[in-house]
Amino acid sequence: MFEEEEALTFEQCNMNHSERQSHHSDKVKKSLITRLNRVEGQVRGIKGLIEKDTYCDDIITQISAVQSALNSFSKVLLEAHLKSCVTERIQDGDLEVVDELLVTIQRLMKK
């Protein structure tokens, strides 16, 4: 799923569950932040459309684009999570991560 698979590799995740941190490489952080910046710009654009009394259907089209961009972001992040954090925790014998992952997938599918 990664567009730039080499650029989207994660460093080892922090295994201290109380901190629950992921450690992303600089390239991954840049890619994710770039995607979020685009979404932020799209949302600001929607606000501008509302302020200009733009036709509702045109606004809804833009909302759909934002939702699609966030779904794409989520897919990239989820794939990286599976390939790094989840894999590492399973290899370390921590099978609790499977239940955690199922809850995460259920939350994503509700959207």
PDB file of N, CA and C in Angstrom:
ATOM      1  N   MET A   1       0.796  -1.195   0.000  1.00  0.00           N
ATOM      2  CA  MET A   1       0.000   0.000   0.000  1.00  0.00           C
ATOM      3  C   MET A   1       0.844   1.268   0.000  1.00  0.00           C
ATOM      4  N   PHE A   2       2.036   1.179   0.482  1.00  0.00           N
ATOM      5  CA  PHE A   2       2.861   2.376   0.514  1.00  0.00           C
ATOM      6  C   PHE A   2       3.202   2.825  -0.884  1.00  0.00           C
ATOM      7  N   GLU A   3       3.107   4.125  -1.081  1.00  0.00           N
ATOM      8  CA  GLU A   3       3.509   4.664  -2.372  1.00  0.00           C
ATOM      9  C   GLU A   3       5.030   4.668  -2.470  1.00  0.00           C
ATOM     10  N   GLU A   4       5.666   5.003  -1.388  1.00  0.00           N
ATOM     11  CA  GLU A   4       7.119   5.008  -1.342  1.00  0.00           C
ATOM     12  C   GLU A   4       7.547   4.104  -0.198  1.00  0.00           C
ATOM     13  N   GLU A   5       7.480   2.799  -0.431  1.00  0.00           N
ATOM     14  CA  GLU A   5       7.683   1.843   0.638  1.00  0.00           C
ATOM     15  C   GLU A   5       9.008   2.033   1.356  1.00  0.00           C
ATOM     16  N   GLU A   6      10.075   2.315   0.616  1.00  0.00           N
ATOM     17  CA  GLU A   6      11.359   2.503   1.258  1.00  0.00           C
ATOM     18  C   GLU A   6      11.355   3.716   2.166  1.00  0.00           C
ATOM     19  N   ALA A   7      10.675   4.756   1.753  1.00  0.00           N
ATOM     20  CA  ALA A   7      10.631   5.976   2.546  1.00  0.00           C
ATOM     21  C   ALA A   7       9.738   5.828   3.757  1.00  0.00           C
ATOM     22  N   LEU A   8       8.856   4.851   3.751  1.00  0.00           N
ATOM     23  CA  LEU A   8       7.896   4.705   4.830  1.00  0.00           C
ATOM     24  C   LEU A   8       8.221   3.497   5.704  1.00  0.00           C
ATOM     25  N   THR A   9       9.442   3.447   6.187  1.00  0.00           N
ATOM     26  CA  THR A   9       9.807   2.396   7.124  1.00  0.00           C
ATOM     27  C   THR A   9       9.877   2.996   8.509  1.00  0.00           C
ATOM     28  N   PHE A  10       9.451   2.228   9.472  1.00  0.00           N
ATOM     29  CA  PHE A  10       9.406   2.708  10.840  1.00  0.00           C
ATOM     30  C   PHE A  10      10.602   2.196  11.620  1.00  0.00           C
ATOM     31  N   GLU A  11      11.078   3.031  12.509  1.00  0.00           N
ATOM     32  CA  GLU A  11      12.082   2.588  13.447  1.00  0.00           C
ATOM     33  C   GLU A  11      11.366   1.736  14.481  1.00  0.00           C
ATOM     34  N   GLN A  12      12.122   1.047  15.307  1.00  0.00           N
ATOM     35  CA  GLN A  12      11.521   0.157  16.294  1.00  0.00           C
ATOM     36  C   GLN A  12      10.596   0.927  17.221  1.00  0.00           C
ATOM     37  N   CYS A  13       9.428   0.371  17.475  1.00  0.00           N
ATOM     38  CA  CYS A  13       8.453   1.012  18.350  1.00  0.00           C
ATOM     39  C   CYS A  13       8.876   0.848  19.800  1.00  0.00           C
ATOM     40  N   ASN A  14       8.516   1.822  20.594  1.00  0.00           N
ATOM     41  CA  ASN A  14       8.791   1.775  22.012  1.00  0.00           C
ATOM     42  C   ASN A  14       7.901   0.710  22.636  1.00  0.00           C
ATOM     43  N   MET A  15       8.477  -0.227  23.326  1.00  0.00           N
ATOM     44  CA  MET A  15       7.707  -1.337  23.860  1.00  0.00           C
ATOM     45  C   MET A  15       7.165  -1.058  25.261  1.00  0.00           C
ATOM     46  N   ASN A  16       7.448   0.098  25.841  1.00  0.00           N
ATOM     47  CA  ASN A  16       6.915   0.456  27.146  1.00  0.00           C
ATOM     48  C   ASN A  16       5.459   0.854  26.957  1.00  0.00           C
ATOM     49  N   HIS A  17       4.539  -0.003  27.393  1.00  0.00           N
ATOM     50  CA  HIS A  17       3.113   0.219  27.133  1.00  0.00           C
ATOM     51  C   HIS A  17       2.574   1.462  27.822  1.00  0.00           C
ATOM     52  N   SER A  18       3.176   1.883  28.923  1.00  0.00           N
ATOM     53  CA  SER A  18       2.672   3.076  29.601  1.00  0.00           C
ATOM     54  C   SER A  18       2.933   4.328  28.771  1.00  0.00           C
ATOM     55  N   GLU A  19       3.985   4.320  27.984  1.00  0.00           N
ATOM     56  CA  GLU A  19       4.295   5.472  27.129  1.00  0.00           C
ATOM     57  C   GLU A  19       3.576   5.393  25.801  1.00  0.00           C
ATOM     58  N   ARG A  20       3.385   4.196  25.277  1.00  0.00           N
ATOM     59  CA  ARG A  20       2.699   3.951  24.017  1.00  0.00           C
ATOM     60  C   ARG A  20       3.133   4.920  22.925  1.00  0.00           C
ATOM     61  N   GLN A  21       4.374   4.874  22.582  1.00  0.00           N
ATOM     62  CA  GLN A  21       4.898   5.746  21.537  1.00  0.00           C
ATOM     63  C   GLN A  21       5.391   4.926  20.362  1.00  0.00           C
ATOM     64  N   SER A  22       5.241   5.513  19.188  1.00  0.00           N
ATOM     65  CA  SER A  22       5.870   4.963  17.992  1.00  0.00           C
ATOM     66  C   SER A  22       7.008   5.889  17.638  1.00  0.00           C
ATOM     67  N   HIS A  23       8.025   5.315  17.080  1.00  0.00           N
ATOM     68  CA  HIS A  23       9.159   6.128  16.658  1.00  0.00           C
ATOM     69  C   HIS A  23       9.240   6.054  15.143  1.00  0.00           C
ATOM     70  N   HIS A  24       8.878   7.143  14.502  1.00  0.00           N
ATOM     71  CA  HIS A  24       8.867   7.188  13.048  1.00  0.00           C
ATOM     72  C   HIS A  24      10.188   7.789  12.556  1.00  0.00           C
ATOM     73  N   SER A  25      10.644   7.288  11.443  1.00  0.00           N
ATOM     74  CA  SER A  25      11.818   7.892  10.824  1.00  0.00           C
ATOM     75  C   SER A  25      11.441   9.295  10.357  1.00  0.00           C
ATOM     76  N   ASP A  26      12.438  10.111  10.108  1.00  0.00           N
ATOM     77  CA  ASP A  26      12.172  11.473   9.635  1.00  0.00           C
ATOM     78  C   ASP A  26      11.394  11.473   8.323  1.00  0.00           C
ATOM     79  N   LYS A  27      11.697  10.517   7.436  1.00  0.00           N
ATOM     80  CA  LYS A  27      10.990  10.440   6.154  1.00  0.00           C
ATOM     81  C   LYS A  27       9.511  10.110   6.355  1.00  0.00           C
ATOM     82  N   VAL A  28       9.236   9.202   7.277  1.00  0.00           N
ATOM     83  CA  VAL A  28       7.844   8.819   7.550  1.00  0.00           C
ATOM     84  C   VAL A  28       7.100  10.001   8.156  1.00  0.00           C
ATOM     85  N   LYS A  29       7.718  10.640   9.140  1.00  0.00           N
ATOM     86  CA  LYS A  29       7.071  11.806   9.759  1.00  0.00           C
ATOM     87  C   LYS A  29       6.763  12.865   8.711  1.00  0.00           C
ATOM     88  N   LYS A  30       7.720  13.125   7.832  1.00  0.00           N
ATOM     89  CA  LYS A  30       7.526  14.144   6.805  1.00  0.00           C
ATOM     90  C   LYS A  30       6.359  13.762   5.894  1.00  0.00           C
ATOM     91  N   SER A  31       6.300  12.508   5.495  1.00  0.00           N
ATOM     92  CA  SER A  31       5.225  12.047   4.623  1.00  0.00           C
ATOM     93  C   SER A  31       3.866  12.185   5.296  1.00  0.00           C
ATOM     94  N   LEU A  32       3.776  11.746   6.548  1.00  0.00           N
ATOM     95  CA  LEU A  32       2.498  11.822   7.269  1.00  0.00           C
ATOM     96  C   LEU A  32       2.089  13.269   7.519  1.00  0.00           C
ATOM     97  N   ILE A  33       3.039  14.092   7.900  1.00  0.00           N
ATOM     98  CA  ILE A  33       2.734  15.506   8.151  1.00  0.00           C
ATOM     99  C   ILE A  33       2.316  16.210   6.871  1.00  0.00           C
ATOM    100  N   THR A  34       2.952  15.870   5.759  1.00  0.00           N
ATOM    101  CA  THR A  34       2.566  16.456   4.472  1.00  0.00           C
ATOM    102  C   THR A  34       1.119  16.112   4.137  1.00  0.00           C
ATOM    103  N   ARG A  35       0.751  14.855   4.357  1.00  0.00           N
ATOM    104  CA  ARG A  35      -0.630  14.438   4.106  1.00  0.00           C
ATOM    105  C   ARG A  35      -1.603  15.218   4.996  1.00  0.00           C
ATOM    106  N   LEU A  36      -1.246  15.347   6.265  1.00  0.00           N
ATOM    107  CA  LEU A  36      -2.123  16.073   7.189  1.00  0.00           C
ATOM    108  C   LEU A  36      -2.204  17.553   6.853  1.00  0.00           C
ATOM    109  N   ASN A  37      -1.107  18.130   6.400  1.00  0.00           N
ATOM    110  CA  ASN A  37      -1.135  19.539   5.988  1.00  0.00           C
ATOM    111  C   ASN A  37      -2.090  19.743   4.819  1.00  0.00           C
ATOM    112  N   ARG A  38      -2.101  18.786   3.892  1.00  0.00           N
ATOM    113  CA  ARG A  38      -3.034  18.867   2.765  1.00  0.00           C
ATOM    114  C   ARG A  38      -4.475  18.815   3.248  1.00  0.00           C
ATOM    115  N   VAL A  39      -4.742  17.913   4.190  1.00  0.00           N
ATOM    116  CA  VAL A  39      -6.095  17.795   4.744  1.00  0.00           C
ATOM    117  C   VAL A  39      -6.475  19.095   5.449  1.00  0.00           C
ATOM    118  N   GLU A  40      -5.560  19.632   6.215  1.00  0.00           N
ATOM    119  CA  GLU A  40      -5.820  20.889   6.917  1.00  0.00           C
ATOM    120  C   GLU A  40      -6.157  22.005   5.934  1.00  0.00           C
ATOM    121  N   GLY A  41      -5.434  22.069   4.846  1.00  0.00           N
ATOM    122  CA  GLY A  41      -5.717  23.062   3.815  1.00  0.00           C
ATOM    123  C   GLY A  41      -7.083  22.853   3.186  1.00  0.00           C
ATOM    124  N   GLN A  42      -7.436  21.587   2.959  1.00  0.00           N
ATOM    125  CA  GLN A  42      -8.750  21.286   2.389  1.00  0.00           C
ATOM    126  C   GLN A  42      -9.868  21.717   3.343  1.00  0.00           C
ATOM    127  N   VAL A  43      -9.686  21.486   4.638  1.00  0.00           N
ATOM    128  CA  VAL A  43     -10.703  21.867   5.614  1.00  0.00           C
ATOM    129  C   VAL A  43     -10.841  23.388   5.663  1.00  0.00           C
ATOM    130  N   ARG A  44      -9.709  24.100   5.622  1.00  0.00           N
ATOM    131  CA  ARG A  44      -9.777  25.562   5.580  1.00  0.00           C
ATOM    132  C   ARG A  44     -10.495  26.029   4.319  1.00  0.00           C
ATOM    133  N   GLY A  45     -10.278  25.319   3.224  1.00  0.00           N
ATOM    134  CA  GLY A  45     -10.965  25.642   1.976  1.00  0.00           C
ATOM    135  C   GLY A  45     -12.467  25.481   2.099  1.00  0.00           C
ATOM    136  N   ILE A  46     -12.895  24.434   2.788  1.00  0.00           N
ATOM    137  CA  ILE A  46     -14.326  24.213   3.001  1.00  0.00           C
ATOM    138  C   ILE A  46     -14.906  25.360   3.826  1.00  0.00           C
ATOM    139  N   LYS A  47     -14.183  25.785   4.833  1.00  0.00           N
ATOM    140  CA  LYS A  47     -14.638  26.916   5.643  1.00  0.00           C
ATOM    141  C   LYS A  47     -14.831  28.149   4.757  1.00  0.00           C
ATOM    142  N   GLY A  48     -13.873  28.375   3.867  1.00  0.00           N
ATOM    143  CA  GLY A  48     -13.978  29.503   2.943  1.00  0.00           C
ATOM    144  C   GLY A  48     -15.183  29.387   2.020  1.00  0.00           C
ATOM    145  N   LEU A  49     -15.463  28.165   1.574  1.00  0.00           N
ATOM    146  CA  LEU A  49     -16.634  27.950   0.715  1.00  0.00           C
ATOM    147  C   LEU A  49     -17.924  28.294   1.448  1.00  0.00           C
ATOM    148  N   ILE A  50     -17.986  27.908   2.706  1.00  0.00           N
ATOM    149  CA  ILE A  50     -19.179  28.225   3.498  1.00  0.00           C
ATOM    150  C   ILE A  50     -19.309  29.734   3.680  1.00  0.00           C
ATOM    151  N   GLU A  51     -18.197  30.389   3.966  1.00  0.00           N
ATOM    152  CA  GLU A  51     -18.218  31.844   4.147  1.00  0.00           C
ATOM    153  C   GLU A  51     -18.653  32.569   2.870  1.00  0.00           C
ATOM    154  N   LYS A  52     -18.360  31.971   1.711  1.00  0.00           N
ATOM    155  CA  LYS A  52     -18.715  32.588   0.424  1.00  0.00           C
ATOM    156  C   LYS A  52     -20.097  32.144  -0.070  1.00  0.00           C
ATOM    157  N   ASP A  53     -20.824  31.411   0.763  1.00  0.00           N
ATOM    158  CA  ASP A  53     -22.151  30.902   0.392  1.00  0.00           C
ATOM    159  C   ASP A  53     -22.116  30.044  -0.876  1.00  0.00           C
ATOM    160  N   THR A  54     -21.102  29.211  -0.967  1.00  0.00           N
ATOM    161  CA  THR A  54     -20.955  28.307  -2.112  1.00  0.00           C
ATOM    162  C   THR A  54     -22.084  27.275  -2.097  1.00  0.00           C
ATOM    163  N   TYR A  55     -22.476  26.849  -3.268  1.00  0.00           N
ATOM    164  CA  TYR A  55     -23.530  25.859  -3.443  1.00  0.00           C
ATOM    165  C   TYR A  55     -23.208  24.608  -2.614  1.00  0.00           C
ATOM    166  N   CYS A  56     -24.214  24.109  -1.895  1.00  0.00           N
ATOM    167  CA  CYS A  56     -24.026  23.006  -0.945  1.00  0.00           C
ATOM    168  C   CYS A  56     -23.393  21.764  -1.572  1.00  0.00           C
ATOM    169  N   ASP A  57     -23.823  21.401  -2.774  1.00  0.00           N
ATOM    170  CA  ASP A  57     -23.293  20.211  -3.428  1.00  0.00           C
ATOM    171  C   ASP A  57     -21.783  20.334  -3.643  1.00  0.00           C
ATOM    172  N   ASP A  58     -21.308  21.524  -3.959  1.00  0.00           N
ATOM    173  CA  ASP A  58     -19.871  21.737  -4.144  1.00  0.00           C
ATOM    174  C   ASP A  58     -19.116  21.566  -2.822  1.00  0.00           C
ATOM    175  N   ILE A  59     -19.727  22.003  -1.742  1.00  0.00           N
ATOM    176  CA  ILE A  59     -19.108  21.840  -0.419  1.00  0.00           C
ATOM    177  C   ILE A  59     -19.062  20.365  -0.044  1.00  0.00           C
ATOM    178  N   ILE A  60     -20.150  19.667  -0.298  1.00  0.00           N
ATOM    179  CA  ILE A  60     -20.202  18.234   0.013  1.00  0.00           C
ATOM    180  C   ILE A  60     -19.138  17.467  -0.772  1.00  0.00           C
ATOM    181  N   THR A  61     -18.909  17.859  -2.006  1.00  0.00           N
ATOM    182  CA  THR A  61     -17.854  17.237  -2.814  1.00  0.00           C
ATOM    183  C   THR A  61     -16.491  17.423  -2.148  1.00  0.00           C
ATOM    184  N   GLN A  62     -16.254  18.608  -1.626  1.00  0.00           N
ATOM    185  CA  GLN A  62     -14.983  18.882  -0.946  1.00  0.00           C
ATOM    186  C   GLN A  62     -14.872  18.105   0.368  1.00  0.00           C
ATOM    187  N   ILE A  63     -15.984  17.963   1.067  1.00  0.00           N
ATOM    188  CA  ILE A  63     -15.985  17.164   2.299  1.00  0.00           C
ATOM    189  C   ILE A  63     -15.617  15.718   1.979  1.00  0.00           C
ATOM    190  N   SER A  64     -16.152  15.202   0.890  1.00  0.00           N
ATOM    191  CA  SER A  64     -15.837  13.844   0.463  1.00  0.00           C
ATOM    192  C   SER A  64     -14.339  13.690   0.176  1.00  0.00           C
ATOM    193  N   ALA A  65     -13.750  14.703  -0.426  1.00  0.00           N
ATOM    194  CA  ALA A  65     -12.311  14.670  -0.713  1.00  0.00           C
ATOM    195  C   ALA A  65     -11.495  14.630   0.579  1.00  0.00           C
ATOM    196  N   VAL A  66     -11.922  15.385   1.585  1.00  0.00           N
ATOM    197  CA  VAL A  66     -11.229  15.388   2.882  1.00  0.00           C
ATOM    198  C   VAL A  66     -11.339  14.013   3.539  1.00  0.00           C
ATOM    199  N   GLN A  67     -12.529  13.434   3.508  1.00  0.00           N
ATOM    200  CA  GLN A  67     -12.721  12.108   4.093  1.00  0.00           C
ATOM    201  C   GLN A  67     -11.847  11.072   3.402  1.00  0.00           C
ATOM    202  N   SER A  68     -11.746  11.163   2.098  1.00  0.00           N
ATOM    203  CA  SER A  68     -10.904  10.247   1.335  1.00  0.00           C
ATOM    204  C   SER A  68      -9.431  10.417   1.704  1.00  0.00           C
ATOM    205  N   ALA A  69      -8.998  11.656   1.849  1.00  0.00           N
ATOM    206  CA  ALA A  69      -7.602  11.922   2.216  1.00  0.00           C
ATOM    207  C   ALA A  69      -7.297  11.378   3.613  1.00  0.00           C
ATOM    208  N   LEU A  70      -8.220  11.538   4.549  1.00  0.00           N
ATOM    209  CA  LEU A  70      -8.008  10.997   5.896  1.00  0.00           C
ATOM    210  C   LEU A  70      -8.009   9.471   5.889  1.00  0.00           C
ATOM    211  N   ASN A  71      -8.868   8.867   5.071  1.00  0.00           N
ATOM    212  CA  ASN A  71      -8.873   7.406   4.960  1.00  0.00           C
ATOM    213  C   ASN A  71      -7.548   6.903   4.401  1.00  0.00           C
ATOM    214  N   SER A  72      -7.024   7.593   3.422  1.00  0.00           N
ATOM    215  CA  SER A  72      -5.734   7.222   2.846  1.00  0.00           C
ATOM    216  C   SER A  72      -4.618   7.335   3.885  1.00  0.00           C
ATOM    217  N   PHE A  73      -4.632   8.418   4.642  1.00  0.00           N
ATOM    218  CA  PHE A  73      -3.662   8.612   5.718  1.00  0.00           C
ATOM    219  C   PHE A  73      -3.752   7.456   6.717  1.00  0.00           C
ATOM    220  N   SER A  74      -4.973   7.098   7.106  1.00  0.00           N
ATOM    221  CA  SER A  74      -5.176   6.017   8.075  1.00  0.00           C
ATOM    222  C   SER A  74      -4.645   4.689   7.550  1.00  0.00           C
ATOM    223  N   LYS A  75      -4.844   4.412   6.276  1.00  0.00           N
ATOM    224  CA  LYS A  75      -4.362   3.161   5.688  1.00  0.00           C
ATOM    225  C   LYS A  75      -2.842   3.083   5.735  1.00  0.00           C
ATOM    226  N   VAL A  76      -2.186   4.177   5.405  1.00  0.00           N
ATOM    227  CA  VAL A  76      -0.719   4.204   5.423  1.00  0.00           C
ATOM    228  C   VAL A  76      -0.218   3.985   6.850  1.00  0.00           C
ATOM    229  N   LEU A  77      -0.822   4.679   7.795  1.00  0.00           N
ATOM    230  CA  LEU A  77      -0.406   4.548   9.187  1.00  0.00           C
ATOM    231  C   LEU A  77      -0.685   3.150   9.725  1.00  0.00           C
ATOM    232  N   LEU A  78      -1.838   2.591   9.401  1.00  0.00           N
ATOM    233  CA  LEU A  78      -2.178   1.246   9.855  1.00  0.00           C
ATOM    234  C   LEU A  78      -1.216   0.209   9.278  1.00  0.00           C
ATOM    235  N   GLU A  79      -0.903   0.326   8.006  1.00  0.00           N
ATOM    236  CA  GLU A  79       0.025  -0.632   7.399  1.00  0.00           C
ATOM    237  C   GLU A  79       1.385  -0.574   8.073  1.00  0.00           C
ATOM    238  N   ALA A  80       1.871   0.616   8.312  1.00  0.00           N
ATOM    239  CA  ALA A  80       3.158   0.768   8.982  1.00  0.00           C
ATOM    240  C   ALA A  80       3.095   0.201  10.400  1.00  0.00           C
ATOM    241  N   HIS A  81       1.986   0.418  11.076  1.00  0.00           N
ATOM    242  CA  HIS A  81       1.805  -0.111  12.429  1.00  0.00           C
ATOM    243  C   HIS A  81       1.856  -1.637  12.414  1.00  0.00           C
ATOM    244  N   LEU A  82       1.178  -2.242  11.430  1.00  0.00           N
ATOM    245  CA  LEU A  82       1.180  -3.708  11.315  1.00  0.00           C
ATOM    246  C   LEU A  82       2.579  -4.255  11.050  1.00  0.00           C
ATOM    247  N   LYS A  83       3.282  -3.590  10.145  1.00  0.00           N
ATOM    248  CA  LYS A  83       4.597  -4.078   9.738  1.00  0.00           C
ATOM    249  C   LYS A  83       5.679  -3.842  10.785  1.00  0.00           C
ATOM    250  N   SER A  84       5.423  -2.943  11.706  1.00  0.00           N
ATOM    251  CA  SER A  84       6.457  -2.656  12.692  1.00  0.00           C
ATOM    252  C   SER A  84       6.000  -3.021  14.099  1.00  0.00           C
ATOM    253  N   CYS A  85       5.221  -2.169  14.707  1.00  0.00           N
ATOM    254  CA  CYS A  85       4.850  -2.340  16.114  1.00  0.00           C
ATOM    255  C   CYS A  85       4.170  -3.686  16.385  1.00  0.00           C
ATOM    256  N   VAL A  86       3.160  -4.000  15.598  1.00  0.00           N
ATOM    257  CA  VAL A  86       2.408  -5.230  15.836  1.00  0.00           C
ATOM    258  C   VAL A  86       3.299  -6.451  15.629  1.00  0.00           C
ATOM    259  N   THR A  87       4.044  -6.466  14.550  1.00  0.00           N
ATOM    260  CA  THR A  87       4.940  -7.585  14.265  1.00  0.00           C
ATOM    261  C   THR A  87       5.960  -7.773  15.385  1.00  0.00           C
ATOM    262  N   GLU A  88       6.563  -6.683  15.832  1.00  0.00           N
ATOM    263  CA  GLU A  88       7.562  -6.761  16.891  1.00  0.00           C
ATOM    264  C   GLU A  88       6.966  -7.280  18.190  1.00  0.00           C
ATOM    265  N   ARG A  89       5.782  -6.800  18.538  1.00  0.00           N
ATOM    266  CA  ARG A  89       5.161  -7.243  19.785  1.00  0.00           C
ATOM    267  C   ARG A  89       4.783  -8.719  19.727  1.00  0.00           C
ATOM    268  N   ILE A  90       4.308  -9.186  18.576  1.00  0.00           N
ATOM    269  CA  ILE A  90       3.990 -10.611  18.431  1.00  0.00           C
ATOM    270  C   ILE A  90       5.262 -11.441  18.536  1.00  0.00           C
ATOM    271  N   GLN A  91       6.321 -10.996  17.882  1.00  0.00           N
ATOM    272  CA  GLN A  91       7.599 -11.709  17.961  1.00  0.00           C
ATOM    273  C   GLN A  91       8.134 -11.763  19.385  1.00  0.00           C
ATOM    274  N   ASP A  92       7.800 -10.746  20.185  1.00  0.00           N
ATOM    275  CA  ASP A  92       8.214 -10.715  21.587  1.00  0.00           C
ATOM    276  C   ASP A  92       7.258 -11.500  22.487  1.00  0.00           C
ATOM    277  N   GLY A  93       6.230 -12.134  21.895  1.00  0.00           N
ATOM    278  CA  GLY A  93       5.297 -12.955  22.651  1.00  0.00           C
ATOM    279  C   GLY A  93       4.123 -12.188  23.241  1.00  0.00           C
ATOM    280  N   ASP A  94       3.970 -10.934  22.877  1.00  0.00           N
ATOM    281  CA  ASP A  94       2.878 -10.111  23.405  1.00  0.00           C
ATOM    282  C   ASP A  94       1.677 -10.220  22.467  1.00  0.00           C
ATOM    283  N   LEU A  95       0.816 -11.195  22.730  1.00  0.00           N
ATOM    284  CA  LEU A  95      -0.338 -11.430  21.863  1.00  0.00           C
ATOM    285  C   LEU A  95      -1.503 -10.505  22.177  1.00  0.00           C
ATOM    286  N   GLU A  96      -1.409  -9.718  23.248  1.00  0.00           N
ATOM    287  CA  GLU A  96      -2.427  -8.728  23.583  1.00  0.00           C
ATOM    288  C   GLU A  96      -2.591  -7.714  22.448  1.00  0.00           C
ATOM    289  N   VAL A  97      -1.539  -7.534  21.672  1.00  0.00           N
ATOM    290  CA  VAL A  97      -1.565  -6.580  20.571  1.00  0.00           C
ATOM    291  C   VAL A  97      -2.600  -6.962  19.513  1.00  0.00           C
ATOM    292  N   VAL A  98      -2.919  -8.245  19.406  1.00  0.00           N
ATOM    293  CA  VAL A  98      -3.915  -8.687  18.421  1.00  0.00           C
ATOM    294  C   VAL A  98      -5.287  -8.132  18.782  1.00  0.00           C
ATOM    295  N   ASP A  99      -5.659  -8.220  20.057  1.00  0.00           N
ATOM    296  CA  ASP A  99      -6.941  -7.656  20.490  1.00  0.00           C
ATOM    297  C   ASP A  99      -6.955  -6.145  20.302  1.00  0.00           C
ATOM    298  N   GLU A 100      -5.849  -5.505  20.624  1.00  0.00           N
ATOM    299  CA  GLU A 100      -5.730  -4.056  20.431  1.00  0.00           C
ATOM    300  C   GLU A 100      -5.924  -3.692  18.961  1.00  0.00           C
ATOM    301  N   LEU A 101      -5.314  -4.468  18.084  1.00  0.00           N
ATOM    302  CA  LEU A 101      -5.420  -4.230  16.651  1.00  0.00           C
ATOM    303  C   LEU A 101      -6.855  -4.422  16.157  1.00  0.00           C
ATOM    304  N   LEU A 102      -7.533  -5.438  16.650  1.00  0.00           N
ATOM    305  CA  LEU A 102      -8.916  -5.666  16.247  1.00  0.00           C
ATOM    306  C   LEU A 102      -9.814  -4.496  16.632  1.00  0.00           C
ATOM    307  N   VAL A 103      -9.615  -3.934  17.816  1.00  0.00           N
ATOM    308  CA  VAL A 103     -10.384  -2.765  18.246  1.00  0.00           C
ATOM    309  C   VAL A 103     -10.086  -1.579  17.333  1.00  0.00           C
ATOM    310  N   THR A 104      -8.822  -1.413  16.996  1.00  0.00           N
ATOM    311  CA  THR A 104      -8.426  -0.310  16.100  1.00  0.00           C
ATOM    312  C   THR A 104      -9.088  -0.459  14.734  1.00  0.00           C
ATOM    313  N   ILE A 105      -9.076  -1.649  14.183  1.00  0.00           N
ATOM    314  CA  ILE A 105      -9.687  -1.886  12.871  1.00  0.00           C
ATOM    315  C   ILE A 105     -11.193  -1.658  12.937  1.00  0.00           C
ATOM    316  N   GLN A 106     -11.828  -2.086  14.016  1.00  0.00           N
ATOM    317  CA  GLN A 106     -13.257  -1.854  14.167  1.00  0.00           C
ATOM    318  C   GLN A 106     -13.568  -0.354  14.182  1.00  0.00           C
ATOM    319  N   ARG A 107     -12.741   0.424  14.878  1.00  0.00           N
ATOM    320  CA  ARG A 107     -12.944   1.888  14.900  1.00  0.00           C
ATOM    321  C   ARG A 107     -12.807   2.471  13.507  1.00  0.00           C
ATOM    322  N   LEU A 108     -11.829   2.017  12.751  1.00  0.00           N
ATOM    323  CA  LEU A 108     -11.633   2.529  11.395  1.00  0.00           C
ATOM    324  C   LEU A 108     -12.784   2.136  10.473  1.00  0.00           C
ATOM    325  N   MET A 109     -13.353   0.972  10.667  1.00  0.00           N
ATOM    326  CA  MET A 109     -14.415   0.506   9.789  1.00  0.00           C
ATOM    327  C   MET A 109     -15.749   1.168  10.082  1.00  0.00           C
ATOM    328  N   LYS A 110     -15.914   1.796  11.240  1.00  0.00           N
ATOM    329  CA  LYS A 110     -17.152   2.483  11.578  1.00  0.00           C
ATOM    330  C   LYS A 110     -17.331   3.740  10.742  1.00  0.00           C
ATOM    331  N   LYS A 111     -16.253   4.215  10.160  1.00  0.00           N
ATOM    332  CA  LYS A 111     -16.291   5.479   9.426  1.00  0.00           C
ATOM    333  C   LYS A 111     -16.866   5.309   8.057  1.00  0.00           C
TER     334      LYS A 111
END
